[in-house]
């Protein structure tokens, strides 16, 4: 099996402008993805954190925005070692491409960089499968939440 990247295409009943806000603003991210989100600014070089869980088991990941082109594309790097600046080879790259379709948006999602992290085979496979399960859970939540925001 190839563990290089994860890709999904999903239709969302909301305009690209609404979807862009939902994927790039911490107040919206918290509603469909992490338990907590902080992001100083959704602009290239902007940094923040996403947290999953609560208490002593909380997992916190640093996030660095690498591309912000509203309402077409939002991309960030995450999952890098503490104390390192996220970049190619030491982090994962998440990209959301938004394409208008009728009354909605085609979201092209990808997460890449698994092999480049240099993990041993078992760690690579486990991390990849964990992220597949995670995105399979969170992306449908994004679809529902963005459609809800669009009707407000």
N, C-alpha and C. Protein backbone atom coordinates (compact mmCIF):
# COMPACT_ATOMS: atom_id res chain seq x y z
N UNK A 1 0.84 -1.18 0.00
CA UNK A 1 0.00 0.00 0.00
C UNK A 1 0.89 1.25 0.00
N UNK A 2 0.42 2.27 -0.68
CA UNK A 2 1.14 3.54 -0.77
C UNK A 2 0.73 4.45 0.39
N UNK A 3 1.70 4.94 1.14
CA UNK A 3 1.41 5.79 2.28
C UNK A 3 1.90 7.22 2.07
N UNK A 4 1.87 7.68 0.81
CA UNK A 4 2.39 9.00 0.50
C UNK A 4 1.45 10.14 0.78
N UNK A 5 0.17 9.98 0.43
CA UNK A 5 -0.77 11.08 0.63
C UNK A 5 -2.20 10.56 0.74
N UNK A 6 -3.04 11.41 1.28
CA UNK A 6 -4.47 11.14 1.42
C UNK A 6 -5.18 12.18 0.56
N UNK A 7 -6.13 11.76 -0.25
CA UNK A 7 -6.89 12.69 -1.09
C UNK A 7 -8.37 12.39 -1.00
N UNK A 8 -9.16 13.44 -0.99
CA UNK A 8 -10.62 13.30 -0.99
C UNK A 8 -11.21 14.42 -1.83
N UNK A 9 -12.32 14.15 -2.49
CA UNK A 9 -13.12 15.17 -3.16
C UNK A 9 -14.52 15.06 -2.60
N UNK A 10 -15.04 16.18 -2.12
CA UNK A 10 -16.38 16.17 -1.54
C UNK A 10 -17.14 17.43 -1.98
N UNK A 11 -18.44 17.28 -2.11
CA UNK A 11 -19.29 18.42 -2.46
C UNK A 11 -19.88 19.00 -1.18
N UNK A 12 -19.88 20.32 -1.12
CA UNK A 12 -20.42 21.03 0.04
C UNK A 12 -21.48 22.01 -0.44
N UNK A 13 -22.63 22.00 0.21
CA UNK A 13 -23.72 22.91 -0.13
C UNK A 13 -23.49 24.27 0.53
N UNK A 14 -22.44 24.94 0.09
CA UNK A 14 -22.10 26.28 0.56
C UNK A 14 -21.14 26.88 -0.46
N UNK A 15 -21.12 28.20 -0.55
CA UNK A 15 -20.24 28.86 -1.50
C UNK A 15 -18.78 28.70 -1.08
N UNK A 16 -17.85 28.85 -2.02
CA UNK A 16 -16.43 28.81 -1.66
C UNK A 16 -16.07 29.84 -0.58
N UNK A 17 -16.72 30.99 -0.59
CA UNK A 17 -16.44 32.01 0.41
C UNK A 17 -16.78 31.51 1.82
N UNK A 18 -17.91 30.85 1.95
CA UNK A 18 -18.31 30.29 3.25
C UNK A 18 -17.37 29.15 3.64
N UNK A 19 -17.10 28.25 2.72
CA UNK A 19 -16.23 27.11 3.02
C UNK A 19 -14.84 27.60 3.42
N UNK A 20 -14.34 28.62 2.74
CA UNK A 20 -13.03 29.16 3.07
C UNK A 20 -12.98 29.63 4.52
N UNK A 21 -14.01 30.33 4.95
CA UNK A 21 -14.06 30.80 6.35
C UNK A 21 -14.07 29.61 7.31
N UNK A 22 -14.82 28.57 6.95
CA UNK A 22 -14.96 27.39 7.82
C UNK A 22 -13.65 26.62 7.95
N UNK A 23 -12.79 26.65 6.94
CA UNK A 23 -11.52 25.91 7.00
C UNK A 23 -10.35 26.77 7.47
N UNK A 24 -10.56 28.08 7.61
CA UNK A 24 -9.41 28.94 7.92
C UNK A 24 -9.55 29.76 9.20
N UNK A 25 -10.70 29.77 9.82
CA UNK A 25 -10.92 30.58 11.01
C UNK A 25 -11.08 29.68 12.24
N UNK A 26 -10.35 29.98 13.33
CA UNK A 26 -10.39 29.11 14.51
C UNK A 26 -11.78 28.91 15.09
N UNK A 27 -12.60 29.96 15.07
CA UNK A 27 -13.95 29.82 15.64
C UNK A 27 -14.79 28.82 14.85
N UNK A 28 -14.48 28.65 13.57
CA UNK A 28 -15.18 27.66 12.76
C UNK A 28 -14.49 26.29 12.84
N UNK A 29 -13.16 26.28 12.83
CA UNK A 29 -12.42 25.01 12.92
C UNK A 29 -12.88 24.19 14.12
N UNK A 30 -13.06 24.87 15.26
CA UNK A 30 -13.46 24.18 16.50
C UNK A 30 -14.79 23.44 16.36
N UNK A 31 -15.60 23.87 15.44
CA UNK A 31 -16.94 23.28 15.28
C UNK A 31 -16.93 21.96 14.52
N UNK A 32 -15.86 21.69 13.76
CA UNK A 32 -15.87 20.45 12.98
C UNK A 32 -14.58 19.63 13.09
N UNK A 33 -13.49 20.24 13.57
CA UNK A 33 -12.22 19.50 13.56
C UNK A 33 -11.63 19.37 14.95
N UNK A 34 -10.78 20.27 15.44
CA UNK A 34 -10.15 20.04 16.75
C UNK A 34 -11.08 20.49 17.88
N UNK A 35 -10.72 20.06 19.09
CA UNK A 35 -11.46 20.53 20.25
C UNK A 35 -11.16 22.00 20.52
N UNK A 36 -9.93 22.40 20.26
CA UNK A 36 -9.52 23.80 20.40
C UNK A 36 -8.67 24.19 19.20
N UNK A 37 -8.77 25.44 18.81
CA UNK A 37 -7.95 25.95 17.70
C UNK A 37 -7.60 27.40 17.97
N UNK A 38 -6.36 27.72 17.71
CA UNK A 38 -5.89 29.10 17.78
C UNK A 38 -5.07 29.34 16.52
N UNK A 39 -5.30 30.49 15.90
CA UNK A 39 -4.56 30.84 14.70
C UNK A 39 -4.44 32.35 14.68
N UNK A 40 -3.18 32.83 14.73
CA UNK A 40 -2.98 34.28 14.81
C UNK A 40 -3.57 34.99 13.60
N UNK A 41 -3.40 34.45 12.42
CA UNK A 41 -4.00 35.01 11.20
C UNK A 41 -3.92 33.97 10.10
N UNK A 42 -5.00 33.81 9.34
CA UNK A 42 -4.99 32.83 8.24
C UNK A 42 -4.27 33.39 7.01
N UNK A 43 -3.00 33.72 7.18
CA UNK A 43 -2.17 34.26 6.10
C UNK A 43 -0.87 33.46 6.06
N UNK A 44 -0.19 33.41 4.91
CA UNK A 44 1.08 32.67 4.85
C UNK A 44 2.03 33.12 5.96
N UNK A 45 2.57 32.13 6.66
CA UNK A 45 3.45 32.39 7.79
C UNK A 45 2.72 32.47 9.12
N UNK A 46 1.39 32.59 9.08
CA UNK A 46 0.60 32.62 10.31
C UNK A 46 0.74 31.28 11.03
N UNK A 47 0.81 31.34 12.35
CA UNK A 47 0.96 30.10 13.13
C UNK A 47 -0.15 29.99 14.16
N UNK A 48 -0.32 28.79 14.64
CA UNK A 48 -1.32 28.52 15.67
C UNK A 48 -1.20 27.10 16.15
N UNK A 49 -2.22 26.67 16.86
CA UNK A 49 -2.26 25.30 17.37
C UNK A 49 -3.65 24.72 17.19
N UNK A 50 -3.71 23.42 17.10
CA UNK A 50 -4.97 22.67 17.19
C UNK A 50 -4.78 21.63 18.28
N UNK A 51 -5.81 21.45 19.09
CA UNK A 51 -5.73 20.52 20.23
C UNK A 51 -6.86 19.52 20.15
N UNK A 52 -6.51 18.28 20.46
CA UNK A 52 -7.48 17.19 20.44
C UNK A 52 -7.50 16.56 21.82
N UNK A 53 -8.70 16.40 22.40
CA UNK A 53 -8.82 15.81 23.73
C UNK A 53 -8.79 16.89 24.80
N UNK A 54 -8.81 16.41 26.06
CA UNK A 54 -8.76 17.34 27.18
C UNK A 54 -7.98 16.71 28.32
N UNK A 55 -7.55 17.57 29.23
CA UNK A 55 -6.80 17.07 30.38
C UNK A 55 -5.41 16.64 30.00
N UNK A 56 -4.86 15.68 30.76
CA UNK A 56 -3.47 15.26 30.53
C UNK A 56 -3.26 14.53 29.20
N UNK A 57 -4.34 14.06 28.60
CA UNK A 57 -4.22 13.33 27.33
C UNK A 57 -4.36 14.24 26.11
N UNK A 58 -4.42 15.54 26.32
CA UNK A 58 -4.58 16.47 25.21
C UNK A 58 -3.39 16.38 24.27
N UNK A 59 -3.69 16.28 22.97
CA UNK A 59 -2.64 16.27 21.95
C UNK A 59 -2.69 17.63 21.26
N UNK A 60 -1.58 18.35 21.30
CA UNK A 60 -1.50 19.68 20.71
C UNK A 60 -0.53 19.63 19.53
N UNK A 61 -0.97 20.16 18.40
CA UNK A 61 -0.13 20.21 17.20
C UNK A 61 0.03 21.65 16.76
N UNK A 62 1.25 22.03 16.43
CA UNK A 62 1.50 23.34 15.86
C UNK A 62 1.05 23.34 14.40
N UNK A 63 0.62 24.49 13.95
CA UNK A 63 0.11 24.63 12.59
C UNK A 63 0.74 25.89 12.00
N UNK A 64 1.23 25.81 10.75
CA UNK A 64 1.80 26.96 10.06
C UNK A 64 1.13 27.09 8.70
N UNK A 65 0.51 28.23 8.44
CA UNK A 65 -0.15 28.48 7.16
C UNK A 65 0.92 28.69 6.09
N UNK A 66 0.78 27.97 4.99
CA UNK A 66 1.74 28.12 3.89
C UNK A 66 1.11 28.78 2.67
N UNK A 67 -0.19 28.69 2.54
CA UNK A 67 -0.86 29.32 1.40
C UNK A 67 -2.27 29.73 1.82
N UNK A 68 -2.64 30.97 1.46
CA UNK A 68 -3.97 31.48 1.76
C UNK A 68 -4.40 32.33 0.57
N UNK A 69 -5.30 31.77 -0.24
CA UNK A 69 -5.79 32.44 -1.44
C UNK A 69 -7.31 32.39 -1.43
N UNK A 70 -7.95 33.25 -0.61
CA UNK A 70 -9.40 33.19 -0.49
C UNK A 70 -10.09 33.55 -1.81
N UNK A 71 -11.14 32.89 -2.19
CA UNK A 71 -11.73 31.70 -1.57
C UNK A 71 -11.35 30.43 -2.32
N UNK A 72 -10.14 30.36 -2.83
CA UNK A 72 -9.74 29.22 -3.67
C UNK A 72 -8.90 28.16 -2.98
N UNK A 73 -7.95 28.58 -2.13
CA UNK A 73 -7.03 27.59 -1.57
C UNK A 73 -6.56 28.03 -0.19
N UNK A 74 -6.48 27.03 0.69
CA UNK A 74 -5.92 27.23 2.02
C UNK A 74 -5.06 26.01 2.31
N UNK A 75 -3.81 26.24 2.71
CA UNK A 75 -2.90 25.12 2.98
C UNK A 75 -2.08 25.42 4.22
N UNK A 76 -1.83 24.37 5.00
CA UNK A 76 -1.00 24.52 6.19
C UNK A 76 -0.15 23.28 6.40
N UNK A 77 0.91 23.46 7.16
CA UNK A 77 1.77 22.35 7.58
C UNK A 77 1.52 22.10 9.06
N UNK A 78 1.60 20.82 9.43
CA UNK A 78 1.46 20.44 10.83
C UNK A 78 2.16 19.11 11.05
N UNK A 79 2.14 18.61 12.26
CA UNK A 79 2.78 17.35 12.66
C UNK A 79 4.29 17.43 12.41
N UNK A 80 4.92 18.35 13.13
CA UNK A 80 6.38 18.42 13.09
C UNK A 80 6.89 18.30 14.53
N UNK A 81 8.16 17.99 14.66
CA UNK A 81 8.75 17.82 15.99
C UNK A 81 8.75 19.15 16.74
N UNK A 82 8.53 19.07 18.03
CA UNK A 82 8.53 20.26 18.87
C UNK A 82 9.85 21.01 18.72
N UNK A 83 9.76 22.31 18.58
CA UNK A 83 10.95 23.14 18.46
C UNK A 83 11.44 23.33 17.03
N UNK A 84 10.87 22.60 16.08
CA UNK A 84 11.25 22.74 14.67
C UNK A 84 10.26 23.64 13.95
N UNK A 85 10.71 24.34 12.94
CA UNK A 85 9.82 25.08 12.06
C UNK A 85 9.32 24.12 10.99
N UNK A 86 8.01 24.09 10.79
CA UNK A 86 7.43 23.16 9.83
C UNK A 86 7.87 23.50 8.41
N UNK A 87 8.31 22.48 7.70
CA UNK A 87 8.73 22.65 6.31
C UNK A 87 8.71 21.32 5.61
N UNK A 88 9.02 21.31 4.31
CA UNK A 88 9.09 20.05 3.58
C UNK A 88 10.07 19.10 4.26
N UNK A 89 9.66 17.86 4.42
CA UNK A 89 10.53 16.85 5.00
C UNK A 89 10.34 16.61 6.48
N UNK A 90 9.77 17.59 7.21
CA UNK A 90 9.59 17.37 8.65
C UNK A 90 8.16 17.56 9.12
N UNK A 91 7.23 17.74 8.17
CA UNK A 91 5.83 17.98 8.55
C UNK A 91 4.91 17.47 7.46
N UNK A 92 3.62 17.47 7.76
CA UNK A 92 2.61 17.08 6.78
C UNK A 92 1.97 18.34 6.21
N UNK A 93 1.64 18.31 4.93
CA UNK A 93 1.03 19.45 4.24
C UNK A 93 -0.43 19.12 3.95
N UNK A 94 -1.33 19.94 4.50
CA UNK A 94 -2.77 19.80 4.26
C UNK A 94 -3.18 20.92 3.31
N UNK A 95 -3.87 20.54 2.23
CA UNK A 95 -4.32 21.52 1.23
C UNK A 95 -5.81 21.35 0.99
N UNK A 96 -6.51 22.48 1.01
CA UNK A 96 -7.92 22.54 0.65
C UNK A 96 -8.04 23.41 -0.60
N UNK A 97 -8.44 22.81 -1.72
CA UNK A 97 -8.73 23.57 -2.93
C UNK A 97 -10.24 23.63 -3.08
N UNK A 98 -10.75 24.83 -3.33
CA UNK A 98 -12.20 25.07 -3.40
C UNK A 98 -12.58 25.48 -4.81
N UNK A 99 -13.49 24.72 -5.41
CA UNK A 99 -13.93 24.97 -6.78
C UNK A 99 -15.43 25.21 -6.75
N UNK A 100 -15.90 26.38 -7.25
CA UNK A 100 -17.34 26.62 -7.27
C UNK A 100 -18.05 25.63 -8.20
N UNK A 101 -19.18 25.11 -7.75
CA UNK A 101 -19.99 24.20 -8.57
C UNK A 101 -21.46 24.52 -8.30
N UNK A 102 -22.12 25.09 -9.28
CA UNK A 102 -23.53 25.42 -9.09
C UNK A 102 -23.72 26.29 -7.86
N UNK A 103 -24.51 25.79 -6.90
CA UNK A 103 -24.76 26.52 -5.66
C UNK A 103 -23.79 26.16 -4.56
N UNK A 104 -22.83 25.31 -4.86
CA UNK A 104 -21.95 24.83 -3.79
C UNK A 104 -20.48 24.89 -4.15
N UNK A 105 -19.74 24.00 -3.51
CA UNK A 105 -18.29 23.97 -3.65
C UNK A 105 -17.81 22.53 -3.75
N UNK A 106 -16.91 22.28 -4.69
CA UNK A 106 -16.19 21.02 -4.72
C UNK A 106 -14.93 21.25 -3.92
N UNK A 107 -14.76 20.52 -2.84
CA UNK A 107 -13.57 20.63 -2.01
C UNK A 107 -12.63 19.50 -2.38
N UNK A 108 -11.43 19.86 -2.80
CA UNK A 108 -10.38 18.87 -3.07
C UNK A 108 -9.40 18.96 -1.92
N UNK A 109 -9.38 17.92 -1.14
CA UNK A 109 -8.56 17.86 0.07
C UNK A 109 -7.38 16.93 -0.17
N UNK A 110 -6.22 17.31 0.35
CA UNK A 110 -5.09 16.38 0.35
C UNK A 110 -4.23 16.62 1.58
N UNK A 111 -3.61 15.55 2.03
CA UNK A 111 -2.61 15.62 3.09
C UNK A 111 -1.43 14.79 2.60
N UNK A 112 -0.27 15.42 2.52
CA UNK A 112 0.91 14.77 1.95
C UNK A 112 2.12 14.97 2.87
N UNK A 113 3.15 14.16 2.61
CA UNK A 113 4.40 14.30 3.34
C UNK A 113 4.70 13.16 4.29
N UNK A 114 3.88 12.13 4.27
CA UNK A 114 4.08 11.00 5.20
C UNK A 114 5.44 10.33 4.99
N UNK A 115 5.74 9.97 3.75
CA UNK A 115 7.01 9.29 3.47
C UNK A 115 8.20 10.18 3.75
N UNK A 116 8.05 11.49 3.48
CA UNK A 116 9.15 12.43 3.66
C UNK A 116 9.54 12.62 5.12
N UNK A 117 8.66 12.26 6.04
CA UNK A 117 8.95 12.41 7.47
C UNK A 117 10.08 11.49 7.92
N UNK A 118 10.36 10.45 7.15
CA UNK A 118 11.46 9.55 7.51
C UNK A 118 11.12 8.56 8.60
N UNK A 119 9.84 8.34 8.84
CA UNK A 119 9.42 7.38 9.86
C UNK A 119 9.78 5.96 9.41
N UNK A 120 10.05 5.08 10.37
CA UNK A 120 10.22 3.67 10.04
C UNK A 120 8.88 3.14 9.54
N UNK A 121 8.89 2.02 8.83
CA UNK A 121 7.71 1.52 8.12
C UNK A 121 6.49 1.37 9.03
N UNK A 122 6.66 0.78 10.20
CA UNK A 122 5.50 0.55 11.08
C UNK A 122 4.92 1.87 11.59
N UNK A 123 5.77 2.83 11.91
CA UNK A 123 5.30 4.14 12.38
C UNK A 123 4.59 4.87 11.25
N UNK A 124 5.17 4.81 10.04
CA UNK A 124 4.56 5.43 8.87
C UNK A 124 3.17 4.87 8.63
N UNK A 125 3.06 3.55 8.61
CA UNK A 125 1.76 2.93 8.35
C UNK A 125 0.75 3.31 9.42
N UNK A 126 1.14 3.28 10.68
CA UNK A 126 0.23 3.63 11.77
C UNK A 126 -0.22 5.09 11.68
N UNK A 127 0.71 6.00 11.44
CA UNK A 127 0.37 7.42 11.33
C UNK A 127 -0.55 7.66 10.14
N UNK A 128 -0.23 7.05 9.02
CA UNK A 128 -1.06 7.21 7.82
C UNK A 128 -2.48 6.72 8.08
N UNK A 129 -2.62 5.52 8.64
CA UNK A 129 -3.95 4.96 8.90
C UNK A 129 -4.72 5.81 9.92
N UNK A 130 -4.02 6.34 10.91
CA UNK A 130 -4.66 7.21 11.91
C UNK A 130 -5.21 8.47 11.24
N UNK A 131 -4.45 9.03 10.32
CA UNK A 131 -4.90 10.24 9.62
C UNK A 131 -6.04 9.92 8.66
N UNK A 132 -6.01 8.78 7.98
CA UNK A 132 -7.13 8.38 7.12
C UNK A 132 -8.40 8.29 7.95
N UNK A 133 -8.33 7.60 9.08
CA UNK A 133 -9.52 7.48 9.96
C UNK A 133 -9.97 8.86 10.43
N UNK A 134 -9.01 9.70 10.80
CA UNK A 134 -9.36 11.03 11.28
C UNK A 134 -10.07 11.85 10.22
N UNK A 135 -9.50 11.93 9.03
CA UNK A 135 -10.13 12.73 7.98
C UNK A 135 -11.45 12.12 7.54
N UNK A 136 -11.57 10.78 7.55
CA UNK A 136 -12.85 10.15 7.22
C UNK A 136 -13.93 10.53 8.23
N UNK A 137 -13.53 10.84 9.44
CA UNK A 137 -14.48 11.28 10.47
C UNK A 137 -14.73 12.79 10.36
N UNK A 138 -13.66 13.59 10.22
CA UNK A 138 -13.81 15.04 10.30
C UNK A 138 -14.34 15.69 9.03
N UNK A 139 -13.97 15.21 7.85
CA UNK A 139 -14.44 15.87 6.63
C UNK A 139 -15.96 15.85 6.47
N UNK A 140 -16.66 14.76 6.80
CA UNK A 140 -18.13 14.83 6.76
C UNK A 140 -18.68 15.86 7.75
N UNK A 141 -18.02 16.04 8.88
CA UNK A 141 -18.44 17.08 9.83
C UNK A 141 -18.28 18.46 9.22
N UNK A 142 -17.20 18.65 8.44
CA UNK A 142 -16.98 19.92 7.74
C UNK A 142 -18.14 20.17 6.77
N UNK A 143 -18.54 19.15 6.02
CA UNK A 143 -19.63 19.28 5.04
C UNK A 143 -20.89 19.78 5.74
N UNK A 144 -21.27 19.11 6.83
CA UNK A 144 -22.48 19.48 7.55
C UNK A 144 -22.40 20.85 8.17
N UNK A 145 -21.26 21.17 8.77
CA UNK A 145 -21.12 22.46 9.43
C UNK A 145 -21.12 23.60 8.43
N UNK A 146 -20.40 23.47 7.31
CA UNK A 146 -20.36 24.52 6.30
C UNK A 146 -21.77 24.76 5.73
N UNK A 147 -22.52 23.71 5.49
CA UNK A 147 -23.89 23.86 4.97
C UNK A 147 -24.75 24.60 6.00
N UNK A 148 -24.53 24.30 7.28
CA UNK A 148 -25.27 25.00 8.34
C UNK A 148 -24.90 26.48 8.37
N UNK A 149 -23.62 26.79 8.29
CA UNK A 149 -23.18 28.19 8.28
C UNK A 149 -23.77 28.93 7.09
N UNK A 150 -23.87 28.27 5.96
CA UNK A 150 -24.39 28.90 4.73
C UNK A 150 -25.85 29.33 4.88
N UNK A 151 -26.59 28.67 5.76
CA UNK A 151 -28.01 28.99 5.91
C UNK A 151 -28.26 30.04 6.99
N UNK A 152 -27.22 30.50 7.67
CA UNK A 152 -27.40 31.50 8.72
C UNK A 152 -27.68 32.86 8.16
